[in-house]
Amino acid sequence: MARCDAAGWLEGARWIASPNFDRRPAGMPIRLLVVHAISLPPEQFGGPGVLALFGNRLDPAAHPYYAGIAHLRVSAHFFIRRDGELIQCVPALARAWHAGLSRWRDCERCNDFSIGVELEGSDTQPFTDAQYAQLNRLIDDLAAQYPLEDVVGHSDIAPGRKTDPGPCFDWARVSTPLRR
């Protein structure tokens, strides 16, 4: 089982740090894991777009879609590529900027108490076996260290505003004790 160091960097993950994070509120436990889906350009996989976005290096001239999003300052704690590669962009103990306007149970501002995991994907294509395997390992590793209570989709905490991880995400394949 992989462990996080004192700052929240997970051993075994490739670290590509994002500047888009800040401190969690004092005394705020990590209670939630939010599953997202992203591809840049949309519906294209394997390129540098997602990590460029998280690193504030997205070239608005590189693709027509980028012109509308290059100004965004967003991040996630983890990014899982189609082949299952696990990349960590923000330490688990910091607040990544992934959920935006959000609500879980009676709590608003889900970034304050959640870990964001982006899967390379979209609403229109199935996710890979390697991604489900890596996501399950990651949830198990994080649940062993933090008081996680639930795993939800971005669409669950921002209904009407977000659709990811989308209809092609198979929740039955999330085989951890925290399966929703």
N, C-alpha and C. Protein backbone atom coordinates (compact mmCIF):
# COMPACT_ATOMS: atom_id res chain seq x y z
N MET A 1 0.84 -1.18 0.00
CA MET A 1 0.00 0.00 0.00
C MET A 1 0.89 1.24 0.00
N ALA A 2 0.58 2.18 -0.87
CA ALA A 2 1.34 3.43 -0.96
C ALA A 2 0.90 4.37 0.17
N ARG A 3 1.83 5.15 0.63
CA ARG A 3 1.58 6.11 1.72
C ARG A 3 1.88 7.52 1.25
N CYS A 4 1.23 8.47 1.86
CA CYS A 4 1.53 9.88 1.63
C CYS A 4 2.56 10.34 2.65
N ASP A 5 3.44 11.25 2.22
CA ASP A 5 4.40 11.82 3.15
C ASP A 5 3.70 12.88 4.02
N ALA A 6 4.46 13.58 4.83
CA ALA A 6 3.89 14.54 5.78
C ALA A 6 3.13 15.68 5.10
N ALA A 7 3.46 15.99 3.85
CA ALA A 7 2.76 17.05 3.13
C ALA A 7 1.57 16.52 2.33
N GLY A 8 1.53 15.21 2.14
CA GLY A 8 0.43 14.63 1.37
C GLY A 8 0.81 14.21 -0.04
N TRP A 9 2.11 14.05 -0.33
CA TRP A 9 2.55 13.53 -1.63
C TRP A 9 2.59 12.01 -1.55
N LEU A 10 1.93 11.35 -2.49
CA LEU A 10 1.80 9.90 -2.48
C LEU A 10 3.01 9.24 -3.13
N GLU A 11 3.60 8.30 -2.41
CA GLU A 11 4.72 7.55 -2.98
C GLU A 11 4.21 6.74 -4.17
N GLY A 12 5.02 6.66 -5.20
CA GLY A 12 4.66 5.89 -6.39
C GLY A 12 3.94 6.70 -7.46
N ALA A 13 3.41 7.85 -7.12
CA ALA A 13 2.78 8.71 -8.13
C ALA A 13 3.87 9.57 -8.76
N ARG A 14 3.66 9.92 -10.03
CA ARG A 14 4.56 10.89 -10.66
C ARG A 14 4.07 12.27 -10.22
N TRP A 15 4.99 13.08 -9.74
CA TRP A 15 4.63 14.39 -9.23
C TRP A 15 4.89 15.46 -10.29
N ILE A 16 3.82 16.17 -10.65
CA ILE A 16 3.92 17.34 -11.53
C ILE A 16 3.12 18.43 -10.84
N ALA A 17 3.78 19.25 -10.08
CA ALA A 17 3.12 20.20 -9.19
C ALA A 17 2.38 21.30 -9.95
N SER A 18 1.19 21.62 -9.45
CA SER A 18 0.39 22.74 -9.93
C SER A 18 0.52 23.88 -8.92
N PRO A 19 0.53 25.13 -9.40
CA PRO A 19 0.52 26.26 -8.46
C PRO A 19 -0.88 26.59 -7.96
N ASN A 20 -1.89 25.90 -8.46
CA ASN A 20 -3.28 26.25 -8.17
C ASN A 20 -3.82 25.47 -6.97
N PHE A 21 -3.41 25.91 -5.81
CA PHE A 21 -3.90 25.34 -4.56
C PHE A 21 -3.64 26.35 -3.46
N ASP A 22 -4.23 26.10 -2.30
CA ASP A 22 -3.96 26.89 -1.11
C ASP A 22 -4.21 26.01 0.11
N ARG A 23 -4.21 26.62 1.29
CA ARG A 23 -4.39 25.84 2.52
C ARG A 23 -5.86 25.50 2.73
N ARG A 24 -6.07 24.32 3.27
CA ARG A 24 -7.42 23.97 3.71
C ARG A 24 -7.73 24.77 4.97
N PRO A 25 -9.00 24.98 5.28
CA PRO A 25 -9.33 25.62 6.56
C PRO A 25 -8.78 24.80 7.73
N ALA A 26 -8.36 25.46 8.76
CA ALA A 26 -7.80 24.79 9.93
C ALA A 26 -8.78 23.78 10.50
N GLY A 27 -8.27 22.60 10.83
CA GLY A 27 -9.07 21.56 11.45
C GLY A 27 -10.06 20.87 10.53
N MET A 28 -9.92 21.10 9.22
CA MET A 28 -10.87 20.51 8.26
C MET A 28 -10.37 19.14 7.81
N PRO A 29 -11.04 18.05 8.23
CA PRO A 29 -10.60 16.72 7.80
C PRO A 29 -10.96 16.46 6.33
N ILE A 30 -10.21 15.59 5.70
CA ILE A 30 -10.47 15.17 4.33
C ILE A 30 -11.52 14.07 4.39
N ARG A 31 -12.75 14.37 3.96
CA ARG A 31 -13.86 13.44 4.13
C ARG A 31 -14.43 12.89 2.83
N LEU A 32 -14.03 13.46 1.72
CA LEU A 32 -14.70 13.16 0.46
C LEU A 32 -13.68 13.02 -0.67
N LEU A 33 -13.95 12.10 -1.60
CA LEU A 33 -13.16 12.00 -2.82
C LEU A 33 -14.11 12.26 -3.98
N VAL A 34 -13.72 13.20 -4.85
CA VAL A 34 -14.55 13.59 -5.99
C VAL A 34 -13.90 13.10 -7.27
N VAL A 35 -14.67 12.33 -8.04
CA VAL A 35 -14.19 11.81 -9.33
C VAL A 35 -14.66 12.75 -10.43
N HIS A 36 -13.70 13.15 -11.27
CA HIS A 36 -13.95 14.03 -12.41
C HIS A 36 -13.53 13.31 -13.69
N ALA A 37 -13.86 13.90 -14.82
CA ALA A 37 -13.35 13.46 -16.11
C ALA A 37 -12.94 14.69 -16.90
N ILE A 38 -11.81 14.58 -17.60
CA ILE A 38 -11.31 15.70 -18.39
C ILE A 38 -10.51 15.18 -19.57
N SER A 39 -10.62 15.88 -20.67
CA SER A 39 -9.75 15.64 -21.82
C SER A 39 -9.55 16.97 -22.53
N LEU A 40 -8.32 17.21 -22.92
CA LEU A 40 -7.99 18.44 -23.64
C LEU A 40 -7.03 18.13 -24.77
N PRO A 41 -7.40 18.55 -26.00
CA PRO A 41 -8.71 19.06 -26.38
C PRO A 41 -9.82 18.04 -26.07
N PRO A 42 -11.07 18.50 -26.06
CA PRO A 42 -12.17 17.59 -25.75
C PRO A 42 -12.15 16.34 -26.64
N GLU A 43 -12.38 15.20 -26.01
CA GLU A 43 -12.44 13.90 -26.68
C GLU A 43 -11.09 13.41 -27.22
N GLN A 44 -10.00 14.08 -26.87
CA GLN A 44 -8.67 13.65 -27.30
C GLN A 44 -7.85 13.31 -26.05
N PHE A 45 -7.13 12.20 -26.13
CA PHE A 45 -6.42 11.69 -24.97
C PHE A 45 -4.92 11.60 -25.24
N GLY A 46 -4.14 11.67 -24.17
CA GLY A 46 -2.71 11.43 -24.24
C GLY A 46 -1.84 12.65 -24.43
N GLY A 47 -2.41 13.79 -24.68
CA GLY A 47 -1.62 14.99 -24.93
C GLY A 47 -1.27 15.75 -23.66
N PRO A 48 -0.61 16.88 -23.82
CA PRO A 48 -0.16 17.67 -22.67
C PRO A 48 -1.18 18.67 -22.15
N GLY A 49 -2.37 18.75 -22.75
CA GLY A 49 -3.31 19.81 -22.43
C GLY A 49 -3.76 19.88 -20.99
N VAL A 50 -4.11 18.76 -20.38
CA VAL A 50 -4.62 18.78 -19.01
C VAL A 50 -3.55 19.28 -18.04
N LEU A 51 -2.36 18.74 -18.15
CA LEU A 51 -1.29 19.17 -17.24
C LEU A 51 -0.87 20.60 -17.52
N ALA A 52 -0.95 21.04 -18.77
CA ALA A 52 -0.67 22.45 -19.08
C ALA A 52 -1.72 23.34 -18.43
N LEU A 53 -2.98 22.93 -18.46
CA LEU A 53 -4.04 23.71 -17.81
C LEU A 53 -3.79 23.80 -16.31
N PHE A 54 -3.49 22.67 -15.68
CA PHE A 54 -3.24 22.66 -14.24
C PHE A 54 -1.99 23.45 -13.86
N GLY A 55 -1.06 23.61 -14.80
CA GLY A 55 0.17 24.36 -14.53
C GLY A 55 0.15 25.78 -15.03
N ASN A 56 -1.02 26.27 -15.49
CA ASN A 56 -1.18 27.64 -16.01
C ASN A 56 -0.30 27.87 -17.24
N ARG A 57 -0.10 26.83 -18.04
CA ARG A 57 0.75 26.93 -19.22
C ARG A 57 -0.01 26.59 -20.51
N LEU A 58 -1.31 26.59 -20.48
CA LEU A 58 -2.10 26.23 -21.65
C LEU A 58 -2.03 27.35 -22.68
N ASP A 59 -1.56 27.04 -23.85
CA ASP A 59 -1.41 28.02 -24.94
C ASP A 59 -2.76 28.21 -25.63
N PRO A 60 -3.35 29.40 -25.52
CA PRO A 60 -4.67 29.61 -26.12
C PRO A 60 -4.67 29.49 -27.64
N ALA A 61 -3.50 29.57 -28.26
CA ALA A 61 -3.41 29.45 -29.72
C ALA A 61 -3.21 28.01 -30.18
N ALA A 62 -2.97 27.08 -29.26
CA ALA A 62 -2.66 25.70 -29.63
C ALA A 62 -3.88 24.93 -30.14
N HIS A 63 -5.08 25.33 -29.72
CA HIS A 63 -6.31 24.67 -30.16
C HIS A 63 -7.44 25.68 -29.96
N PRO A 64 -8.42 25.71 -30.86
CA PRO A 64 -9.50 26.70 -30.70
C PRO A 64 -10.22 26.63 -29.35
N TYR A 65 -10.37 25.45 -28.79
CA TYR A 65 -11.05 25.30 -27.50
C TYR A 65 -10.27 25.98 -26.37
N TYR A 66 -8.96 25.99 -26.48
CA TYR A 66 -8.12 26.52 -25.40
C TYR A 66 -8.30 28.02 -25.18
N ALA A 67 -8.69 28.75 -26.21
CA ALA A 67 -8.86 30.19 -26.06
C ALA A 67 -9.87 30.55 -24.98
N GLY A 68 -10.88 29.70 -24.80
CA GLY A 68 -11.92 29.98 -23.81
C GLY A 68 -11.61 29.51 -22.41
N ILE A 69 -10.52 28.72 -22.24
CA ILE A 69 -10.24 28.17 -20.90
C ILE A 69 -8.83 28.47 -20.39
N ALA A 70 -7.98 29.01 -21.23
CA ALA A 70 -6.58 29.21 -20.83
C ALA A 70 -6.43 30.12 -19.61
N HIS A 71 -7.41 30.97 -19.35
CA HIS A 71 -7.35 31.88 -18.21
C HIS A 71 -7.72 31.21 -16.88
N LEU A 72 -8.30 30.03 -16.93
CA LEU A 72 -8.76 29.36 -15.71
C LEU A 72 -7.59 28.97 -14.81
N ARG A 73 -7.80 29.02 -13.53
CA ARG A 73 -6.82 28.58 -12.54
C ARG A 73 -7.46 27.43 -11.78
N VAL A 74 -7.20 26.22 -12.25
CA VAL A 74 -7.81 25.02 -11.70
C VAL A 74 -6.74 23.96 -11.48
N SER A 75 -7.10 22.96 -10.70
CA SER A 75 -6.18 21.86 -10.43
C SER A 75 -6.98 20.69 -9.89
N ALA A 76 -6.29 19.60 -9.70
CA ALA A 76 -6.82 18.44 -8.99
C ALA A 76 -5.65 17.84 -8.24
N HIS A 77 -5.95 17.06 -7.25
CA HIS A 77 -4.87 16.39 -6.53
C HIS A 77 -4.22 15.34 -7.41
N PHE A 78 -5.05 14.57 -8.12
CA PHE A 78 -4.54 13.45 -8.92
C PHE A 78 -5.15 13.47 -10.32
N PHE A 79 -4.39 12.94 -11.27
CA PHE A 79 -4.81 12.78 -12.66
C PHE A 79 -4.44 11.36 -13.07
N ILE A 80 -5.43 10.61 -13.55
CA ILE A 80 -5.19 9.22 -13.97
C ILE A 80 -5.38 9.15 -15.49
N ARG A 81 -4.28 8.88 -16.18
CA ARG A 81 -4.29 8.75 -17.63
C ARG A 81 -5.00 7.46 -18.06
N ARG A 82 -5.28 7.33 -19.35
CA ARG A 82 -5.99 6.17 -19.90
C ARG A 82 -5.23 4.87 -19.64
N ASP A 83 -3.89 4.94 -19.61
CA ASP A 83 -3.09 3.73 -19.37
C ASP A 83 -2.92 3.42 -17.89
N GLY A 84 -3.56 4.21 -17.01
CA GLY A 84 -3.49 4.00 -15.57
C GLY A 84 -2.38 4.77 -14.88
N GLU A 85 -1.58 5.52 -15.63
CA GLU A 85 -0.53 6.31 -14.97
C GLU A 85 -1.15 7.28 -13.98
N LEU A 86 -0.57 7.32 -12.78
CA LEU A 86 -1.05 8.19 -11.71
C LEU A 86 -0.11 9.37 -11.57
N ILE A 87 -0.67 10.57 -11.75
CA ILE A 87 0.09 11.81 -11.62
C ILE A 87 -0.53 12.61 -10.49
N GLN A 88 0.32 13.12 -9.60
CA GLN A 88 -0.18 13.96 -8.51
C GLN A 88 0.26 15.40 -8.76
N CYS A 89 -0.70 16.32 -8.69
CA CYS A 89 -0.44 17.73 -8.97
C CYS A 89 -0.50 18.61 -7.73
N VAL A 90 -1.21 18.17 -6.70
CA VAL A 90 -1.37 18.94 -5.46
C VAL A 90 -1.27 17.96 -4.30
N PRO A 91 -0.54 18.32 -3.25
CA PRO A 91 -0.47 17.41 -2.10
C PRO A 91 -1.85 17.23 -1.46
N ALA A 92 -2.11 16.06 -0.95
CA ALA A 92 -3.43 15.74 -0.40
C ALA A 92 -3.84 16.67 0.73
N LEU A 93 -2.88 17.16 1.50
CA LEU A 93 -3.23 18.01 2.64
C LEU A 93 -3.54 19.46 2.24
N ALA A 94 -3.30 19.80 0.97
CA ALA A 94 -3.63 21.15 0.48
C ALA A 94 -5.00 21.13 -0.19
N ARG A 95 -5.54 22.31 -0.41
CA ARG A 95 -6.84 22.45 -1.07
C ARG A 95 -6.61 22.70 -2.55
N ALA A 96 -6.94 21.70 -3.37
CA ALA A 96 -6.89 21.87 -4.82
C ALA A 96 -8.15 22.59 -5.27
N TRP A 97 -8.09 23.17 -6.46
CA TRP A 97 -9.22 23.94 -6.98
C TRP A 97 -9.92 23.14 -8.07
N HIS A 98 -10.72 22.15 -7.67
CA HIS A 98 -11.34 21.23 -8.61
C HIS A 98 -12.86 21.23 -8.59
N ALA A 99 -13.47 21.54 -7.47
CA ALA A 99 -14.92 21.35 -7.34
C ALA A 99 -15.74 22.60 -7.65
N GLY A 100 -15.18 23.78 -7.47
CA GLY A 100 -15.94 25.00 -7.70
C GLY A 100 -17.13 25.09 -6.76
N LEU A 101 -18.17 25.76 -7.22
CA LEU A 101 -19.41 25.89 -6.45
C LEU A 101 -19.98 24.50 -6.27
N SER A 102 -20.06 24.04 -5.03
CA SER A 102 -20.40 22.64 -4.80
C SER A 102 -21.01 22.45 -3.41
N ARG A 103 -21.72 21.30 -3.28
CA ARG A 103 -22.37 20.96 -2.01
C ARG A 103 -22.44 19.45 -1.88
N TRP A 104 -22.06 18.95 -0.70
CA TRP A 104 -22.17 17.53 -0.37
C TRP A 104 -22.83 17.43 1.00
N ARG A 105 -23.92 16.68 1.04
CA ARG A 105 -24.74 16.61 2.25
C ARG A 105 -25.10 18.04 2.66
N ASP A 106 -24.77 18.47 3.85
CA ASP A 106 -25.09 19.84 4.26
C ASP A 106 -23.89 20.77 4.20
N CYS A 107 -22.85 20.37 3.49
CA CYS A 107 -21.60 21.14 3.46
C CYS A 107 -21.35 21.74 2.09
N GLU A 108 -21.10 23.02 2.08
CA GLU A 108 -20.74 23.71 0.84
C GLU A 108 -19.22 23.81 0.74
N ARG A 109 -18.74 24.24 -0.42
CA ARG A 109 -17.30 24.44 -0.67
C ARG A 109 -16.53 23.12 -0.51
N CYS A 110 -16.85 22.17 -1.36
CA CYS A 110 -16.27 20.83 -1.25
C CYS A 110 -14.74 20.82 -1.37
N ASN A 111 -14.16 21.82 -2.03
CA ASN A 111 -12.69 21.86 -2.09
C ASN A 111 -12.08 21.87 -0.69
N ASP A 112 -12.79 22.42 0.28
CA ASP A 112 -12.26 22.54 1.64
C ASP A 112 -11.97 21.18 2.28
N PHE A 113 -12.75 20.14 1.92
CA PHE A 113 -12.65 18.86 2.63
C PHE A 113 -12.57 17.66 1.69
N SER A 114 -12.22 17.89 0.43
CA SER A 114 -12.19 16.78 -0.52
C SER A 114 -10.85 16.65 -1.22
N ILE A 115 -10.69 15.48 -1.83
CA ILE A 115 -9.58 15.21 -2.74
C ILE A 115 -10.19 15.04 -4.11
N GLY A 116 -9.63 15.74 -5.10
CA GLY A 116 -10.12 15.66 -6.47
C GLY A 116 -9.27 14.74 -7.32
N VAL A 117 -9.92 13.82 -8.03
CA VAL A 117 -9.24 12.89 -8.91
C VAL A 117 -9.82 13.05 -10.31
N GLU A 118 -8.99 13.49 -11.24
CA GLU A 118 -9.39 13.63 -12.64
C GLU A 118 -9.02 12.38 -13.40
N LEU A 119 -9.99 11.78 -14.08
CA LEU A 119 -9.73 10.68 -14.99
C LEU A 119 -9.67 11.24 -16.40
N GLU A 120 -8.68 10.82 -17.17
CA GLU A 120 -8.61 11.25 -18.56
C GLU A 120 -9.76 10.57 -19.30
N GLY A 121 -10.76 11.36 -19.66
CA GLY A 121 -11.94 10.78 -20.27
C GLY A 121 -12.96 11.84 -20.60
N SER A 122 -14.16 11.36 -20.94
CA SER A 122 -15.24 12.26 -21.33
C SER A 122 -16.58 11.59 -21.04
N ASP A 123 -17.65 12.33 -21.30
CA ASP A 123 -19.00 11.81 -21.11
C ASP A 123 -19.38 10.78 -22.16
N THR A 124 -18.62 10.68 -23.24
CA THR A 124 -19.05 9.88 -24.39
C THR A 124 -18.26 8.60 -24.62
N GLN A 125 -17.22 8.34 -23.82
CA GLN A 125 -16.39 7.17 -24.05
C GLN A 125 -16.15 6.43 -22.73
N PRO A 126 -16.17 5.09 -22.77
CA PRO A 126 -15.91 4.32 -21.54
C PRO A 126 -14.50 4.58 -21.02
N PHE A 127 -14.36 4.44 -19.73
CA PHE A 127 -13.05 4.53 -19.11
C PHE A 127 -12.36 3.17 -19.22
N THR A 128 -11.06 3.14 -18.99
CA THR A 128 -10.30 1.91 -19.22
C THR A 128 -10.19 1.07 -17.95
N ASP A 129 -9.91 -0.22 -18.16
CA ASP A 129 -9.67 -1.12 -17.02
C ASP A 129 -8.54 -0.58 -16.15
N ALA A 130 -7.48 -0.07 -16.79
CA ALA A 130 -6.33 0.45 -16.05
C ALA A 130 -6.73 1.64 -15.18
N GLN A 131 -7.63 2.46 -15.65
CA GLN A 131 -8.08 3.61 -14.85
C GLN A 131 -8.89 3.16 -13.63
N TYR A 132 -9.79 2.22 -13.81
CA TYR A 132 -10.56 1.72 -12.66
C TYR A 132 -9.63 1.06 -11.64
N ALA A 133 -8.67 0.27 -12.11
CA ALA A 133 -7.74 -0.38 -11.18
C ALA A 133 -6.94 0.65 -10.41
N GLN A 134 -6.44 1.67 -11.09
CA GLN A 134 -5.65 2.70 -10.42
C GLN A 134 -6.52 3.52 -9.47
N LEU A 135 -7.74 3.85 -9.89
CA LEU A 135 -8.64 4.61 -9.01
C LEU A 135 -8.93 3.82 -7.75
N ASN A 136 -9.21 2.54 -7.85
CA ASN A 136 -9.49 1.73 -6.67
C ASN A 136 -8.28 1.65 -5.74
N ARG A 137 -7.09 1.48 -6.30
CA ARG A 137 -5.87 1.48 -5.46
C ARG A 137 -5.71 2.81 -4.76
N LEU A 138 -5.93 3.89 -5.50
CA LEU A 138 -5.78 5.23 -4.92
C LEU A 138 -6.78 5.46 -3.79
N ILE A 139 -8.03 5.09 -4.00
CA ILE A 139 -9.03 5.26 -2.95
C ILE A 139 -8.64 4.46 -1.71
N ASP A 140 -8.21 3.22 -1.91
CA ASP A 140 -7.79 2.39 -0.77
C ASP A 140 -6.62 3.03 -0.03
N ASP A 141 -5.63 3.52 -0.78
CA ASP A 141 -4.46 4.16 -0.16
C ASP A 141 -4.86 5.40 0.63
N LEU A 142 -5.70 6.23 0.04
CA LEU A 142 -6.10 7.46 0.72
C LEU A 142 -7.02 7.19 1.91
N ALA A 143 -7.91 6.21 1.77
CA ALA A 143 -8.82 5.87 2.88
C ALA A 143 -8.07 5.29 4.07
N ALA A 144 -6.91 4.72 3.83
CA ALA A 144 -6.10 4.19 4.93
C ALA A 144 -5.42 5.31 5.72
N GLN A 145 -5.38 6.51 5.16
CA GLN A 145 -4.66 7.61 5.81
C GLN A 145 -5.53 8.79 6.21
N TYR A 146 -6.66 8.94 5.54
CA TYR A 146 -7.53 10.08 5.79
C TYR A 146 -8.95 9.57 6.08
N PRO A 147 -9.75 10.32 6.82
CA PRO A 147 -11.08 9.84 7.21
C PRO A 147 -12.14 9.99 6.10
N LEU A 148 -11.85 9.43 4.93
CA LEU A 148 -12.79 9.51 3.81
C LEU A 148 -14.11 8.83 4.17
N GLU A 149 -15.20 9.49 3.83
CA GLU A 149 -16.53 8.95 4.10
C GLU A 149 -17.28 8.56 2.83
N ASP A 150 -16.88 9.12 1.68
CA ASP A 150 -17.67 8.89 0.47
C ASP A 150 -16.83 9.17 -0.77
N VAL A 151 -17.27 8.56 -1.88
CA VAL A 151 -16.72 8.82 -3.20
C VAL A 151 -17.89 9.23 -4.07
N VAL A 152 -17.80 10.40 -4.69
CA VAL A 152 -18.89 10.94 -5.51
C VAL A 152 -18.33 11.47 -6.81
N GLY A 153 -19.22 11.71 -7.75
CA GLY A 153 -18.85 12.36 -8.99
C GLY A 153 -19.00 13.87 -8.87
N HIS A 154 -18.31 14.57 -9.74
CA HIS A 154 -18.44 16.03 -9.77
C HIS A 154 -19.91 16.42 -9.98
N SER A 155 -20.60 15.64 -10.80
CA SER A 155 -22.02 15.91 -11.07
C SER A 155 -22.88 15.77 -9.81
N ASP A 156 -22.45 14.96 -8.85
CA ASP A 156 -23.21 14.78 -7.61
C ASP A 156 -23.12 15.99 -6.69
N ILE A 157 -22.01 16.70 -6.74
CA ILE A 157 -21.83 17.85 -5.84
C ILE A 157 -22.07 19.19 -6.54
N ALA A 158 -22.24 19.15 -7.87
CA ALA A 158 -22.53 20.35 -8.65
C ALA A 158 -23.58 20.01 -9.71
N PRO A 159 -24.75 19.49 -9.27
CA PRO A 159 -25.77 19.08 -10.24
C PRO A 159 -26.27 20.26 -11.06
N GLY A 160 -26.48 19.99 -12.34
CA GLY A 160 -26.94 21.05 -13.24
C GLY A 160 -25.80 21.89 -13.78
N ARG A 161 -24.68 21.89 -13.10
CA ARG A 161 -23.51 22.66 -13.54
C ARG A 161 -22.46 21.76 -14.15
N LYS A 162 -22.32 20.54 -13.64
CA LYS A 162 -21.30 19.60 -14.12
C LYS A 162 -21.93 18.25 -14.43
N THR A 163 -21.36 17.53 -15.39
CA THR A 163 -21.87 16.21 -15.77
C THR A 163 -20.87 15.09 -15.51
N ASP A 164 -19.63 15.44 -15.22
CA ASP A 164 -18.59 14.41 -15.08
C ASP A 164 -18.67 13.70 -13.72
N PRO A 165 -18.25 12.45 -13.69
CA PRO A 165 -17.52 11.73 -14.71
C PRO A 165 -18.37 11.23 -15.86
N GLY A 166 -19.66 11.40 -15.82
CA GLY A 166 -20.52 11.14 -16.96
C GLY A 166 -21.14 9.77 -17.00
N PRO A 167 -22.01 9.57 -17.99
CA PRO A 167 -22.77 8.33 -18.09
C PRO A 167 -21.93 7.11 -18.47
N CYS A 168 -20.74 7.30 -18.98
CA CYS A 168 -19.88 6.17 -19.33
C CYS A 168 -19.04 5.68 -18.15
N PHE A 169 -19.12 6.38 -17.03
CA PHE A 169 -18.40 5.94 -15.84
C PHE A 169 -19.23 4.88 -15.13
N ASP A 170 -18.63 3.74 -14.87
CA ASP A 170 -19.33 2.60 -14.27
C ASP A 170 -19.06 2.56 -12.76
N TRP A 171 -19.98 3.10 -11.99
CA TRP A 171 -19.80 3.16 -10.53
C TRP A 171 -19.68 1.78 -9.91
N ALA A 172 -20.24 0.76 -10.53
CA ALA A 172 -20.13 -0.60 -10.00
C ALA A 172 -18.69 -1.10 -10.01
N ARG A 173 -17.83 -0.47 -10.80
CA ARG A 173 -16.42 -0.88 -10.88
C ARG A 173 -15.57 -0.19 -9.82
N VAL A 174 -16.15 0.70 -9.05
CA VAL A 174 -15.45 1.31 -7.93
C VAL A 174 -15.65 0.34 -6.77
N SER A 175 -14.66 -0.53 -6.58
CA SER A 175 -14.83 -1.68 -5.69
C SER A 175 -14.22 -1.48 -4.31
N THR A 176 -14.16 -0.27 -3.87
CA THR A 176 -13.58 0.00 -2.56
C THR A 176 -14.67 0.02 -1.50
N PRO A 177 -14.29 -0.02 -0.24
CA PRO A 177 -15.30 0.05 0.83
C PRO A 177 -16.07 1.37 0.82
N LEU A 178 -15.56 2.38 0.13
CA LEU A 178 -16.23 3.67 0.10
C LEU A 178 -17.15 3.84 -1.10
N ARG A 179 -17.37 2.77 -1.83
CA ARG A 179 -18.22 2.89 -3.03
C ARG A 179 -19.55 3.50 -2.65
N ARG A 180 -19.97 4.45 -3.43
CA ARG A 180 -21.22 5.18 -3.14
C ARG A 180 -22.43 4.35 -3.41
